[in-house]
């Protein structure tokens, strides 16, 4: 008669435990490999959403305002959009301050739109808040509208000397970007205090 092999139960337990450990290791290795692969794919996809070098270069712009005479304005480019820098006269400041703020569609005082101690310098984006046209009034000889500020030729919005909407379909005042005076003659647009 053939003998039945005797299986030691402790050997079977060790072999089963070893098999379980090998399987766990393979599962962990496979999941780790998939995780590294997912990161390798996702990082470039997210990185491509960062602003390009030319956009970062335009994140701030420094302007020399020394040559802007009182009553004049210049157009500059900030983040690929027009920017208006106006040197207000004493008369324009008085006109802006005389307007009752409660009568404005987007109520703001001139002091809220300029820097303390520099009410003569009004810096705004040159984009109408209605549909994004470029208002007239910054260049010499352009119509400024009935309120002496800016006039949007697309749909007739009129802004006053503080670039606040006074008439027409525009819902808001011209936007005032962040800016800092670096000296008496230099302003950096896009910089925060």
N, C-alpha and C. Protein backbone atom coordinates (compact mmCIF):
# COMPACT_ATOMS: atom_id res chain seq x y z
N UNK A 1 0.79 -1.16 0.00
CA UNK A 1 0.00 0.00 0.00
C UNK A 1 0.85 1.25 0.00
N UNK A 2 0.35 2.26 -0.73
CA UNK A 2 1.12 3.49 -0.81
C UNK A 2 0.92 4.32 0.44
N UNK A 3 1.96 4.93 0.78
CA UNK A 3 1.89 5.76 1.98
C UNK A 3 1.36 7.15 1.63
N UNK A 4 0.54 7.66 2.45
CA UNK A 4 0.02 9.02 2.29
C UNK A 4 1.05 9.97 2.88
N UNK A 5 1.39 10.97 2.07
CA UNK A 5 2.38 11.91 2.62
C UNK A 5 1.79 12.65 3.81
N UNK A 6 2.61 12.85 4.75
CA UNK A 6 2.21 13.57 5.95
C UNK A 6 2.56 15.05 5.76
N UNK A 7 1.54 15.89 5.89
CA UNK A 7 1.76 17.34 5.73
C UNK A 7 1.80 17.95 7.11
N UNK A 8 2.88 18.60 7.33
CA UNK A 8 3.02 19.29 8.61
C UNK A 8 2.21 20.57 8.54
N UNK A 9 1.27 20.73 9.45
CA UNK A 9 0.38 21.89 9.42
C UNK A 9 1.14 23.20 9.61
N UNK A 10 2.23 23.23 10.28
CA UNK A 10 3.00 24.47 10.48
C UNK A 10 3.65 24.90 9.17
N UNK A 11 4.10 23.92 8.32
CA UNK A 11 4.68 24.27 7.02
C UNK A 11 3.63 24.88 6.10
N UNK A 12 2.41 24.34 6.10
CA UNK A 12 1.32 24.88 5.28
C UNK A 12 0.95 26.28 5.72
N UNK A 13 0.96 26.52 7.00
CA UNK A 13 0.62 27.85 7.52
C UNK A 13 1.68 28.86 7.10
N UNK A 14 2.93 28.47 7.15
CA UNK A 14 4.01 29.38 6.76
C UNK A 14 3.96 29.65 5.27
N UNK A 15 3.70 28.59 4.48
CA UNK A 15 3.61 28.76 3.02
C UNK A 15 2.44 29.67 2.66
N UNK A 16 1.29 29.51 3.30
CA UNK A 16 0.12 30.36 3.06
C UNK A 16 0.39 31.80 3.46
N UNK A 17 1.08 32.01 4.56
CA UNK A 17 1.42 33.35 5.03
C UNK A 17 2.39 34.02 4.08
N UNK A 18 3.35 33.24 3.57
CA UNK A 18 4.31 33.77 2.61
C UNK A 18 3.60 34.18 1.33
N UNK A 19 2.67 33.34 0.88
CA UNK A 19 1.91 33.64 -0.33
C UNK A 19 1.09 34.93 -0.14
N UNK A 20 0.51 35.09 1.04
CA UNK A 20 -0.26 36.29 1.34
C UNK A 20 0.64 37.52 1.33
N UNK A 21 1.81 37.43 1.85
CA UNK A 21 2.75 38.55 1.87
C UNK A 21 3.18 38.91 0.45
N UNK A 22 3.47 37.92 -0.38
CA UNK A 22 3.85 38.18 -1.76
C UNK A 22 2.72 38.89 -2.52
N UNK A 23 1.52 38.43 -2.33
CA UNK A 23 0.36 39.02 -2.99
C UNK A 23 0.16 40.47 -2.53
N UNK A 24 0.29 40.72 -1.25
CA UNK A 24 0.17 42.09 -0.72
C UNK A 24 1.24 42.99 -1.32
N UNK A 25 2.45 42.48 -1.39
CA UNK A 25 3.54 43.26 -1.97
C UNK A 25 3.26 43.61 -3.43
N UNK A 26 2.78 42.63 -4.21
CA UNK A 26 2.47 42.88 -5.61
C UNK A 26 1.34 43.91 -5.76
N UNK A 27 0.31 43.82 -4.90
CA UNK A 27 -0.77 44.80 -4.93
C UNK A 27 -0.27 46.21 -4.62
N UNK A 28 0.52 46.33 -3.59
CA UNK A 28 1.07 47.64 -3.20
C UNK A 28 1.97 48.18 -4.31
N UNK A 29 2.80 47.32 -4.89
CA UNK A 29 3.70 47.76 -5.96
C UNK A 29 2.90 48.24 -7.18
N UNK A 30 1.84 47.50 -7.53
CA UNK A 30 1.03 47.87 -8.70
C UNK A 30 0.32 49.20 -8.46
N UNK A 31 -0.25 49.37 -7.29
CA UNK A 31 -0.95 50.62 -6.98
C UNK A 31 0.03 51.79 -6.95
N UNK A 32 1.21 51.59 -6.39
CA UNK A 32 2.24 52.64 -6.35
C UNK A 32 2.67 53.03 -7.76
N UNK A 33 2.88 52.03 -8.61
CA UNK A 33 3.27 52.29 -9.99
C UNK A 33 2.20 53.09 -10.72
N UNK A 34 0.93 52.73 -10.51
CA UNK A 34 -0.18 53.46 -11.14
C UNK A 34 -0.26 54.90 -10.62
N UNK A 35 -0.02 55.07 -9.32
CA UNK A 35 -0.04 56.41 -8.73
C UNK A 35 1.05 57.30 -9.30
N UNK A 36 2.25 56.76 -9.44
CA UNK A 36 3.36 57.53 -10.02
C UNK A 36 3.05 57.88 -11.47
N UNK A 37 2.47 56.95 -12.19
CA UNK A 37 2.09 57.21 -13.58
C UNK A 37 1.03 58.30 -13.68
N UNK A 38 0.05 58.27 -12.78
CA UNK A 38 -1.00 59.29 -12.79
C UNK A 38 -0.41 60.67 -12.49
N UNK A 39 0.49 60.75 -11.53
CA UNK A 39 1.14 62.03 -11.22
C UNK A 39 1.96 62.51 -12.42
N UNK A 40 2.65 61.60 -13.08
CA UNK A 40 3.45 61.97 -14.25
C UNK A 40 2.59 62.53 -15.38
N UNK A 41 1.35 62.11 -15.46
CA UNK A 41 0.44 62.60 -16.49
C UNK A 41 -0.24 63.90 -16.06
N UNK A 42 -0.66 63.99 -14.80
CA UNK A 42 -1.45 65.12 -14.32
C UNK A 42 -0.61 66.39 -14.13
N UNK A 43 0.62 66.27 -13.65
CA UNK A 43 1.44 67.46 -13.38
C UNK A 43 1.64 68.31 -14.64
N UNK A 44 2.02 67.75 -15.78
CA UNK A 44 2.14 68.59 -16.97
C UNK A 44 0.81 69.21 -17.41
N UNK A 45 -0.29 68.48 -17.23
CA UNK A 45 -1.59 69.03 -17.61
C UNK A 45 -1.95 70.24 -16.76
N UNK A 46 -1.69 70.16 -15.48
CA UNK A 46 -1.97 71.30 -14.59
C UNK A 46 -0.97 72.42 -14.85
N UNK A 47 0.28 72.08 -15.08
CA UNK A 47 1.32 73.09 -15.31
C UNK A 47 1.05 73.92 -16.56
N UNK A 48 0.44 73.33 -17.57
CA UNK A 48 0.17 74.07 -18.79
C UNK A 48 -0.89 75.14 -18.57
N UNK A 49 -1.63 75.09 -17.47
CA UNK A 49 -2.63 76.11 -17.16
C UNK A 49 -2.03 77.35 -16.52
N UNK A 50 -0.76 77.29 -16.11
CA UNK A 50 -0.09 78.46 -15.54
C UNK A 50 0.08 79.52 -16.61
N UNK A 51 0.13 80.80 -16.21
CA UNK A 51 0.32 81.86 -17.21
C UNK A 51 1.67 81.73 -17.91
N UNK A 52 1.68 82.09 -19.18
CA UNK A 52 2.92 82.01 -19.95
C UNK A 52 3.86 83.14 -19.55
N UNK A 53 5.09 83.06 -20.02
CA UNK A 53 6.11 84.04 -19.65
C UNK A 53 5.74 85.44 -20.10
N UNK A 54 5.13 85.59 -21.28
CA UNK A 54 4.76 86.93 -21.75
C UNK A 54 3.65 87.54 -20.90
N UNK A 55 2.75 86.72 -20.38
CA UNK A 55 1.70 87.22 -19.50
C UNK A 55 2.29 87.62 -18.15
N UNK A 56 3.19 86.81 -17.63
CA UNK A 56 3.83 87.15 -16.36
C UNK A 56 4.65 88.43 -16.48
N UNK A 57 5.25 88.64 -17.64
CA UNK A 57 6.03 89.86 -17.85
C UNK A 57 5.15 91.10 -17.82
N UNK A 58 3.88 90.93 -18.21
CA UNK A 58 2.95 92.05 -18.21
C UNK A 58 2.12 92.13 -16.94
N UNK A 59 2.49 91.35 -15.92
CA UNK A 59 1.72 91.34 -14.67
C UNK A 59 1.77 92.70 -14.00
N UNK A 60 2.86 93.42 -14.16
CA UNK A 60 2.95 94.80 -13.69
C UNK A 60 3.57 95.64 -14.80
N UNK A 61 3.26 96.91 -14.78
CA UNK A 61 3.85 97.84 -15.73
C UNK A 61 4.18 99.12 -14.98
N UNK A 62 5.38 99.64 -15.20
CA UNK A 62 5.80 100.88 -14.55
C UNK A 62 5.70 102.01 -15.57
N UNK A 63 5.05 103.09 -15.15
CA UNK A 63 4.83 104.23 -16.03
C UNK A 63 5.49 105.48 -15.47
N UNK A 64 6.08 106.26 -16.37
CA UNK A 64 6.63 107.56 -16.01
C UNK A 64 5.53 108.59 -16.25
N UNK A 65 5.06 109.22 -15.20
CA UNK A 65 3.95 110.17 -15.31
C UNK A 65 4.42 111.62 -15.30
N UNK A 66 5.73 111.82 -15.31
CA UNK A 66 6.29 113.17 -15.21
C UNK A 66 5.88 114.06 -16.38
N UNK A 67 5.72 113.49 -17.57
CA UNK A 67 5.45 114.30 -18.77
C UNK A 67 3.96 114.45 -19.07
N UNK A 68 3.10 113.93 -18.21
CA UNK A 68 1.65 114.09 -18.44
C UNK A 68 1.24 115.42 -17.83
N UNK A 69 0.89 116.36 -18.69
CA UNK A 69 0.51 117.70 -18.23
C UNK A 69 -0.87 117.65 -17.58
N UNK A 70 -1.12 118.62 -16.74
CA UNK A 70 -2.42 118.72 -16.09
C UNK A 70 -3.51 118.83 -17.15
N UNK A 71 -4.55 118.03 -17.01
CA UNK A 71 -5.64 118.02 -17.98
C UNK A 71 -5.45 117.02 -19.11
N UNK A 72 -4.29 116.38 -19.18
CA UNK A 72 -4.02 115.40 -20.23
C UNK A 72 -4.15 113.97 -19.69
N UNK A 73 -4.26 113.06 -20.62
CA UNK A 73 -4.30 111.63 -20.29
C UNK A 73 -3.45 110.87 -21.29
N UNK A 74 -2.98 109.72 -20.88
CA UNK A 74 -2.25 108.83 -21.79
C UNK A 74 -2.93 107.47 -21.80
N UNK A 75 -2.68 106.74 -22.87
CA UNK A 75 -3.12 105.35 -22.96
C UNK A 75 -1.87 104.49 -22.87
N UNK A 76 -1.95 103.45 -22.08
CA UNK A 76 -0.87 102.47 -21.97
C UNK A 76 -1.51 101.09 -22.11
N UNK A 77 -0.69 100.07 -22.08
CA UNK A 77 -1.19 98.70 -22.15
C UNK A 77 -0.83 98.00 -20.85
N UNK A 78 -1.82 97.37 -20.25
CA UNK A 78 -1.63 96.61 -19.02
C UNK A 78 -2.40 95.30 -19.18
N UNK A 79 -1.70 94.18 -19.10
CA UNK A 79 -2.28 92.85 -19.29
C UNK A 79 -3.07 92.76 -20.60
N UNK A 80 -2.48 93.30 -21.62
CA UNK A 80 -3.03 93.27 -22.99
C UNK A 80 -4.36 94.02 -23.12
N UNK A 81 -4.59 94.97 -22.21
CA UNK A 81 -5.79 95.81 -22.27
C UNK A 81 -5.38 97.26 -22.14
N UNK A 82 -6.19 98.18 -22.69
CA UNK A 82 -5.85 99.59 -22.56
C UNK A 82 -5.98 100.08 -21.12
N UNK A 83 -5.09 100.98 -20.77
CA UNK A 83 -5.05 101.59 -19.45
C UNK A 83 -5.03 103.09 -19.63
N UNK A 84 -5.87 103.82 -18.90
CA UNK A 84 -5.91 105.27 -18.98
C UNK A 84 -5.28 105.86 -17.72
N UNK A 85 -4.36 106.81 -17.92
CA UNK A 85 -3.76 107.55 -16.81
C UNK A 85 -4.06 109.01 -17.07
N UNK A 86 -4.87 109.61 -16.22
CA UNK A 86 -5.30 111.00 -16.41
C UNK A 86 -4.80 111.86 -15.26
N UNK A 87 -4.22 113.03 -15.65
CA UNK A 87 -3.78 114.04 -14.69
C UNK A 87 -4.92 115.07 -14.59
N UNK A 88 -5.73 114.93 -13.56
CA UNK A 88 -6.91 115.77 -13.41
C UNK A 88 -6.54 117.20 -13.03
N UNK A 89 -7.33 118.14 -13.55
CA UNK A 89 -7.17 119.55 -13.18
C UNK A 89 -7.93 119.79 -11.88
N UNK A 90 -7.68 120.95 -11.26
CA UNK A 90 -8.41 121.31 -10.04
C UNK A 90 -9.91 121.41 -10.34
N UNK A 91 -10.25 121.90 -11.54
CA UNK A 91 -11.66 122.01 -11.93
C UNK A 91 -12.30 120.62 -12.06
N UNK A 92 -11.61 119.68 -12.67
CA UNK A 92 -12.13 118.31 -12.83
C UNK A 92 -12.31 117.63 -11.47
N UNK A 93 -11.38 117.88 -10.57
CA UNK A 93 -11.49 117.31 -9.22
C UNK A 93 -12.71 117.89 -8.51
N UNK A 94 -12.88 119.21 -8.63
CA UNK A 94 -14.04 119.87 -8.00
C UNK A 94 -15.36 119.36 -8.59
N UNK A 95 -15.40 119.17 -9.91
CA UNK A 95 -16.61 118.64 -10.56
C UNK A 95 -16.93 117.23 -10.05
N UNK A 96 -15.91 116.41 -9.93
CA UNK A 96 -16.12 115.03 -9.46
C UNK A 96 -16.59 115.01 -8.01
N UNK A 97 -16.02 115.88 -7.20
CA UNK A 97 -16.40 115.93 -5.78
C UNK A 97 -17.78 116.54 -5.56
N UNK A 98 -18.26 117.35 -6.51
CA UNK A 98 -19.55 118.02 -6.38
C UNK A 98 -20.74 117.09 -6.69
N UNK A 99 -20.47 115.96 -7.32
CA UNK A 99 -21.55 115.03 -7.69
C UNK A 99 -22.04 114.30 -6.44
N UNK A 100 -23.36 114.35 -6.16
CA UNK A 100 -23.88 113.57 -5.03
C UNK A 100 -23.72 112.06 -5.30
N UNK A 101 -22.99 111.39 -4.46
CA UNK A 101 -22.66 109.98 -4.67
C UNK A 101 -23.92 109.12 -4.72
N UNK A 102 -24.95 109.50 -3.99
CA UNK A 102 -26.19 108.71 -3.96
C UNK A 102 -26.89 108.69 -5.31
N UNK A 103 -26.60 109.65 -6.19
CA UNK A 103 -27.24 109.69 -7.50
C UNK A 103 -26.53 108.81 -8.53
N UNK A 104 -25.39 108.25 -8.18
CA UNK A 104 -24.60 107.45 -9.12
C UNK A 104 -25.08 106.00 -9.18
N UNK A 105 -25.01 105.43 -10.36
CA UNK A 105 -25.38 104.02 -10.56
C UNK A 105 -24.43 103.10 -9.80
N UNK A 106 -23.15 103.41 -9.84
CA UNK A 106 -22.11 102.66 -9.12
C UNK A 106 -21.44 103.66 -8.18
N UNK A 107 -22.01 103.86 -6.98
CA UNK A 107 -21.56 104.96 -6.12
C UNK A 107 -20.14 104.81 -5.59
N UNK A 108 -19.29 105.74 -5.99
CA UNK A 108 -17.92 105.83 -5.49
C UNK A 108 -17.50 107.29 -5.53
N UNK A 109 -16.77 107.71 -4.53
CA UNK A 109 -16.24 109.07 -4.53
C UNK A 109 -14.92 109.07 -5.30
N UNK A 110 -14.46 110.26 -5.66
CA UNK A 110 -13.16 110.38 -6.32
C UNK A 110 -12.07 109.86 -5.39
N UNK A 111 -12.20 110.13 -4.10
CA UNK A 111 -11.20 109.67 -3.13
C UNK A 111 -11.11 108.14 -3.09
N UNK A 112 -12.21 107.45 -3.33
CA UNK A 112 -12.18 105.99 -3.36
C UNK A 112 -11.53 105.46 -4.63
N UNK A 113 -11.42 106.29 -5.64
CA UNK A 113 -10.89 105.87 -6.93
C UNK A 113 -9.46 106.33 -7.17
N UNK A 114 -8.92 107.11 -6.24
CA UNK A 114 -7.54 107.59 -6.34
C UNK A 114 -6.81 107.24 -5.04
N UNK A 115 -5.51 107.50 -5.02
CA UNK A 115 -4.71 107.22 -3.83
C UNK A 115 -4.73 108.43 -2.90
N UNK A 116 -4.66 108.20 -1.59
CA UNK A 116 -4.63 109.33 -0.65
C UNK A 116 -3.46 110.26 -0.94
N UNK A 117 -3.76 111.54 -0.96
CA UNK A 117 -2.73 112.54 -1.24
C UNK A 117 -2.43 112.74 -2.71
N UNK A 118 -3.06 111.96 -3.58
CA UNK A 118 -2.83 112.05 -5.03
C UNK A 118 -4.16 112.09 -5.78
N UNK A 119 -5.09 112.99 -5.42
CA UNK A 119 -6.39 112.99 -6.10
C UNK A 119 -6.31 113.43 -7.56
N UNK A 120 -5.18 114.01 -7.96
CA UNK A 120 -5.04 114.48 -9.33
C UNK A 120 -4.69 113.36 -10.32
N UNK A 121 -4.35 112.18 -9.82
CA UNK A 121 -3.98 111.07 -10.69
C UNK A 121 -5.06 110.00 -10.67
N UNK A 122 -5.75 109.86 -11.79
CA UNK A 122 -6.80 108.86 -11.95
C UNK A 122 -6.31 107.79 -12.92
N UNK A 123 -6.20 106.57 -12.44
CA UNK A 123 -5.71 105.46 -13.26
C UNK A 123 -6.82 104.42 -13.34
N UNK A 124 -7.29 104.16 -14.56
CA UNK A 124 -8.38 103.21 -14.78
C UNK A 124 -8.08 102.32 -15.99
N UNK A 125 -8.75 101.20 -16.03
CA UNK A 125 -8.69 100.36 -17.22
C UNK A 125 -9.49 101.07 -18.31
N UNK A 126 -9.05 100.99 -19.53
CA UNK A 126 -9.72 101.64 -20.65
C UNK A 126 -10.68 100.71 -21.36
N UNK A 127 -11.52 100.04 -20.58
CA UNK A 127 -12.47 99.07 -21.13
C UNK A 127 -13.85 99.38 -20.57
N UNK A 128 -14.78 99.67 -21.47
CA UNK A 128 -16.15 99.97 -21.05
C UNK A 128 -16.74 98.75 -20.35
N UNK A 129 -17.44 98.99 -19.27
CA UNK A 129 -17.99 97.88 -18.48
C UNK A 129 -19.28 97.33 -19.07
N UNK A 130 -19.72 97.86 -20.21
CA UNK A 130 -20.92 97.33 -20.84
C UNK A 130 -20.55 96.09 -21.67
N UNK A 131 -19.85 96.30 -22.78
CA UNK A 131 -19.48 95.17 -23.64
C UNK A 131 -18.00 95.14 -24.02
N UNK A 132 -17.18 95.93 -23.31
CA UNK A 132 -15.74 95.83 -23.50
C UNK A 132 -15.14 96.70 -24.58
N UNK A 133 -15.86 97.69 -25.09
CA UNK A 133 -15.29 98.61 -26.07
C UNK A 133 -14.29 99.54 -25.37
N UNK A 134 -13.47 100.24 -26.14
CA UNK A 134 -12.52 101.19 -25.59
C UNK A 134 -13.13 102.59 -25.67
N UNK A 135 -13.40 103.21 -24.52
CA UNK A 135 -13.99 104.55 -24.54
C UNK A 135 -13.02 105.59 -25.11
N UNK A 136 -13.58 106.66 -25.62
CA UNK A 136 -12.80 107.79 -26.13
C UNK A 136 -12.67 108.82 -25.01
N UNK A 137 -11.68 109.69 -25.15
CA UNK A 137 -11.51 110.78 -24.19
C UNK A 137 -10.11 110.86 -23.61
N UNK A 138 -9.28 109.88 -23.87
CA UNK A 138 -7.92 109.92 -23.33
C UNK A 138 -6.98 110.68 -24.26
N UNK A 139 -7.16 110.55 -25.55
CA UNK A 139 -6.27 111.22 -26.51
C UNK A 139 -6.76 112.63 -26.81
N UNK A 140 -5.87 113.45 -27.23
CA UNK A 140 -6.18 114.84 -27.58
C UNK A 140 -7.22 114.88 -28.69
N UNK A 141 -8.28 115.66 -28.48
CA UNK A 141 -9.30 115.86 -29.50
C UNK A 141 -10.41 114.83 -29.52
N UNK A 142 -10.32 113.78 -28.73
CA UNK A 142 -11.38 112.77 -28.69
C UNK A 142 -12.56 113.29 -27.88
N UNK A 143 -13.77 112.92 -28.26
CA UNK A 143 -14.93 113.36 -27.48
C UNK A 143 -14.92 112.73 -26.09
N UNK A 144 -15.26 113.57 -25.10
CA UNK A 144 -15.26 113.10 -23.72
C UNK A 144 -16.67 112.89 -23.17
N UNK A 145 -17.66 113.11 -23.98
CA UNK A 145 -19.03 112.94 -23.51
C UNK A 145 -19.52 114.15 -22.74
N UNK A 146 -20.78 114.12 -22.39
CA UNK A 146 -21.38 115.29 -21.75
C UNK A 146 -20.93 115.52 -20.31
N UNK A 147 -20.22 114.55 -19.70
CA UNK A 147 -19.76 114.72 -18.32
C UNK A 147 -18.26 114.96 -18.22
N UNK A 148 -17.59 115.13 -19.38
CA UNK A 148 -16.19 115.53 -19.41
C UNK A 148 -15.17 114.45 -19.10
N UNK A 149 -15.60 113.21 -19.04
CA UNK A 149 -14.65 112.13 -18.73
C UNK A 149 -14.32 111.31 -19.95
N UNK A 150 -15.08 110.23 -20.14
CA UNK A 150 -14.88 109.33 -21.27
C UNK A 150 -16.23 109.05 -21.92
N UNK A 151 -16.19 108.74 -23.21
CA UNK A 151 -17.40 108.43 -23.97
C UNK A 151 -17.17 107.15 -24.74
N UNK A 152 -18.05 106.17 -24.56
CA UNK A 152 -17.93 104.90 -25.29
C UNK A 152 -18.73 105.01 -26.59
N UNK A 153 -18.06 104.94 -27.74
CA UNK A 153 -18.76 105.10 -29.01
C UNK A 153 -19.63 103.91 -29.41
N UNK A 154 -19.44 102.77 -28.78
CA UNK A 154 -20.20 101.58 -29.17
C UNK A 154 -21.68 101.70 -28.83
N UNK A 155 -21.99 102.09 -27.60
CA UNK A 155 -23.39 102.13 -27.17
C UNK A 155 -23.74 103.41 -26.40
N UNK A 156 -22.83 104.39 -26.37
CA UNK A 156 -23.16 105.70 -25.82
C UNK A 156 -23.00 105.87 -24.32
N UNK A 157 -22.25 105.01 -23.65
CA UNK A 157 -22.03 105.21 -22.21
C UNK A 157 -21.15 106.43 -22.00
N UNK A 158 -21.53 107.25 -21.03
CA UNK A 158 -20.75 108.45 -20.69
C UNK A 158 -20.25 108.34 -19.26
N UNK A 159 -18.99 108.67 -19.09
CA UNK A 159 -18.33 108.64 -17.78
C UNK A 159 -17.92 110.05 -17.41
N UNK A 160 -17.91 110.36 -16.11
CA UNK A 160 -17.52 111.70 -15.67
C UNK A 160 -16.01 111.79 -15.49
N UNK A 161 -15.54 112.90 -14.90
CA UNK A 161 -14.11 113.13 -14.76
C UNK A 161 -13.43 112.14 -13.80
N UNK A 162 -14.22 111.43 -12.99
CA UNK A 162 -13.68 110.40 -12.11
C UNK A 162 -13.87 109.01 -12.72
N UNK A 163 -14.23 108.95 -14.02
CA UNK A 163 -14.46 107.71 -14.77
C UNK A 163 -15.58 106.88 -14.15
N UNK A 164 -16.59 107.58 -13.63
CA UNK A 164 -17.78 106.92 -13.08
C UNK A 164 -18.89 106.97 -14.12
N UNK A 165 -19.64 105.89 -14.24
CA UNK A 165 -20.72 105.83 -15.23
C UNK A 165 -21.81 106.81 -14.83
N UNK A 166 -22.22 107.63 -15.81
CA UNK A 166 -23.26 108.62 -15.55
C UNK A 166 -24.46 108.45 -16.47
N UNK A 167 -24.23 107.88 -17.66
CA UNK A 167 -25.33 107.75 -18.62
C UNK A 167 -24.99 106.61 -19.58
N UNK A 168 -26.01 105.88 -20.00
CA UNK A 168 -25.79 104.80 -20.96
C UNK A 168 -25.93 103.44 -20.31
N UNK A 169 -25.68 102.39 -21.09
CA UNK A 169 -25.94 101.03 -20.61
C UNK A 169 -24.87 100.42 -19.70
N UNK A 170 -23.71 101.03 -19.58
CA UNK A 170 -22.66 100.43 -18.75
C UNK A 170 -23.12 100.32 -17.30
N UNK A 171 -22.95 99.14 -16.69
CA UNK A 171 -23.43 98.94 -15.32
C UNK A 171 -22.49 99.46 -14.23
N UNK A 172 -21.21 99.55 -14.54
CA UNK A 172 -20.21 99.89 -13.52
C UNK A 172 -19.30 101.00 -14.00
N UNK A 173 -18.58 101.60 -13.05
CA UNK A 173 -17.54 102.58 -13.36
C UNK A 173 -16.38 101.87 -14.05
N UNK A 174 -15.52 102.65 -14.72
CA UNK A 174 -14.31 102.05 -15.27
C UNK A 174 -13.49 101.49 -14.11
N UNK A 175 -12.95 100.31 -14.30
CA UNK A 175 -12.23 99.61 -13.22
C UNK A 175 -10.93 100.32 -12.87
N UNK A 176 -10.66 100.42 -11.58
CA UNK A 176 -9.39 100.96 -11.09
C UNK A 176 -8.51 99.78 -10.71
N UNK A 177 -7.39 99.57 -11.41
CA UNK A 177 -6.51 98.44 -11.07
C UNK A 177 -5.70 98.75 -9.82
N UNK A 178 -5.04 97.74 -9.28
CA UNK A 178 -4.11 97.96 -8.17
C UNK A 178 -2.91 98.72 -8.72
N UNK A 179 -2.45 99.71 -7.98
CA UNK A 179 -1.25 100.44 -8.39
C UNK A 179 -0.60 101.09 -7.17
N UNK A 180 0.69 101.38 -7.31
CA UNK A 180 1.47 101.98 -6.23
C UNK A 180 2.35 103.07 -6.83
N UNK A 181 2.42 104.21 -6.17
CA UNK A 181 3.35 105.26 -6.58
C UNK A 181 4.72 104.89 -6.03
N UNK A 182 5.68 104.67 -6.94
CA UNK A 182 7.05 104.32 -6.55
C UNK A 182 7.88 105.57 -6.25
N UNK A 183 7.51 106.68 -6.87
CA UNK A 183 8.14 107.97 -6.62
C UNK A 183 7.14 109.03 -7.05
N UNK A 184 7.56 110.30 -7.02
CA UNK A 184 6.65 111.38 -7.42
C UNK A 184 6.32 111.30 -8.90
N UNK A 185 7.15 110.63 -9.68
CA UNK A 185 6.95 110.58 -11.14
C UNK A 185 6.79 109.17 -11.69
N UNK A 186 6.76 108.15 -10.84
CA UNK A 186 6.66 106.77 -11.32
C UNK A 186 5.55 106.04 -10.58
N UNK A 187 4.74 105.33 -11.36
CA UNK A 187 3.66 104.52 -10.79
C UNK A 187 3.78 103.11 -11.35
N UNK A 188 3.58 102.13 -10.49
CA UNK A 188 3.63 100.73 -10.92
C UNK A 188 2.22 100.16 -10.84
N UNK A 189 1.67 99.85 -12.00
CA UNK A 189 0.32 99.31 -12.09
C UNK A 189 0.41 97.79 -11.98
N UNK A 190 -0.45 97.22 -11.16
CA UNK A 190 -0.46 95.79 -10.92
C UNK A 190 0.19 95.42 -9.62
N UNK A 191 0.89 96.36 -9.01
CA UNK A 191 1.55 96.11 -7.72
C UNK A 191 0.57 96.40 -6.60
N UNK A 192 0.64 95.59 -5.56
CA UNK A 192 -0.19 95.81 -4.39
C UNK A 192 0.69 96.39 -3.29
N UNK A 193 0.06 97.17 -2.45
CA UNK A 193 0.80 97.82 -1.35
C UNK A 193 1.27 96.80 -0.36
